[in-house]
């Protein structure tokens, strides 16, 4: 899988290149997976630069989803405890 190294962190992403796309887009999944969608004619160097330029934003979103998952787990455990009493 393609990756970049940003601030000593390895950022791995899945690259989808299609002939119909005209712009590069990022998608961060709830599990932290990063998808990059790009036109076929864009070079891998340009894709890497794009991801590197937005690496801080990507890491921020990954942290957000990780914290959200922890909060959801806490809420679920509280609800279970409430209904077990």
Protein backbone atom coordinates (compact mmCIF):
# COMPACT_ATOMS: atom_id res chain seq x y z
CA UNK A 1 0.00 0.00 0.00
CA UNK A 2 1.30 3.49 -0.75
CA UNK A 3 2.39 5.60 2.20
CA UNK A 4 4.19 8.76 3.27
CA UNK A 5 6.18 9.54 6.39
CA UNK A 6 5.03 12.70 8.16
CA UNK A 7 6.57 13.83 11.46
CA UNK A 8 8.01 10.34 11.95
CA UNK A 9 4.56 8.79 11.48
CA UNK A 10 3.79 6.45 8.62
CA UNK A 11 0.56 7.42 6.88
CA UNK A 12 -0.77 4.58 4.73
CA UNK A 13 -3.52 5.16 2.18
CA UNK A 14 -5.40 3.34 -0.55
CA UNK A 15 -5.15 4.92 -3.98
CA UNK A 16 -8.01 4.74 -6.47
CA UNK A 17 -7.16 6.14 -9.89
CA UNK A 18 -9.96 6.46 -12.43
CA UNK A 19 -10.29 8.05 -15.83
CA UNK A 20 -13.49 9.88 -14.92
CA UNK A 21 -12.12 11.93 -12.00
CA UNK A 22 -10.91 15.47 -12.52
CA UNK A 23 -9.70 16.28 -8.99
CA UNK A 24 -7.92 14.56 -6.10
CA UNK A 25 -10.08 13.77 -3.07
CA UNK A 26 -9.49 12.34 0.41
CA UNK A 27 -11.80 10.19 2.47
CA UNK A 28 -11.12 9.25 6.08
CA UNK A 29 -13.11 6.25 7.29
CA UNK A 30 -14.27 5.75 10.87
CA UNK A 31 -11.67 3.01 11.30
CA UNK A 32 -8.93 5.49 10.33
CA UNK A 33 -8.35 4.13 6.83
CA UNK A 34 -7.48 6.81 4.28
CA UNK A 35 -8.66 6.66 0.66
CA UNK A 36 -7.22 8.90 -2.03
CA UNK A 37 -9.17 9.19 -5.26
CA UNK A 38 -7.32 10.71 -8.19
CA UNK A 39 -7.48 10.99 -11.98
CA UNK A 40 -5.40 8.40 -13.84
CA UNK A 41 -3.20 11.03 -15.47
CA UNK A 42 -1.92 12.38 -12.09
CA UNK A 43 1.54 11.12 -11.17
CA UNK A 44 2.25 9.28 -7.93
CA UNK A 45 4.57 12.13 -6.94
CA UNK A 46 1.68 14.60 -7.15
CA UNK A 47 -0.54 12.28 -5.12
CA UNK A 48 2.16 11.94 -2.44
CA UNK A 49 2.57 15.73 -2.32
CA UNK A 50 -1.19 16.12 -1.98
CA UNK A 51 -1.34 13.64 0.92
CA UNK A 52 1.74 15.14 2.59
CA UNK A 53 0.29 18.66 2.36
CA UNK A 54 -2.87 17.47 4.13
CA UNK A 55 -1.21 15.04 6.54
CA UNK A 56 -1.88 17.16 9.65
CA UNK A 57 -5.58 17.31 8.76
CA UNK A 58 -5.65 13.55 8.12
CA UNK A 59 -4.04 12.81 11.50
CA UNK A 60 -6.49 15.17 13.22
CA UNK A 61 -9.47 13.36 11.67
CA UNK A 62 -8.04 9.95 12.56
CA UNK A 63 -7.65 11.08 16.20
CA UNK A 64 -11.20 12.43 16.17
CA UNK A 65 -12.64 9.12 14.99
CA UNK A 66 -10.53 7.20 17.52
CA UNK A 67 -11.83 9.40 20.38
CA UNK A 68 -15.39 9.11 19.07
CA UNK A 69 -15.13 5.33 19.07
CA UNK A 70 -13.92 5.37 22.69
CA UNK A 71 -16.83 7.62 23.72
CA UNK A 72 -19.33 5.36 22.00
CA UNK A 73 -17.88 2.33 23.79
CA UNK A 74 -18.12 4.16 27.13
CA UNK A 75 -21.74 5.09 26.48
CA UNK A 76 -22.60 1.52 25.51
CA UNK A 77 -21.01 0.11 28.67
CA UNK A 78 -22.89 2.65 30.82
CA UNK A 79 -26.18 1.74 29.16
CA UNK A 80 -25.52 -1.97 29.74
CA UNK A 81 -24.75 -1.35 33.41
CA UNK A 82 -27.90 0.75 33.81
CA UNK A 83 -30.17 -1.92 32.36
CA UNK A 84 -28.51 -4.76 34.30
CA UNK A 85 -29.45 -3.26 37.65
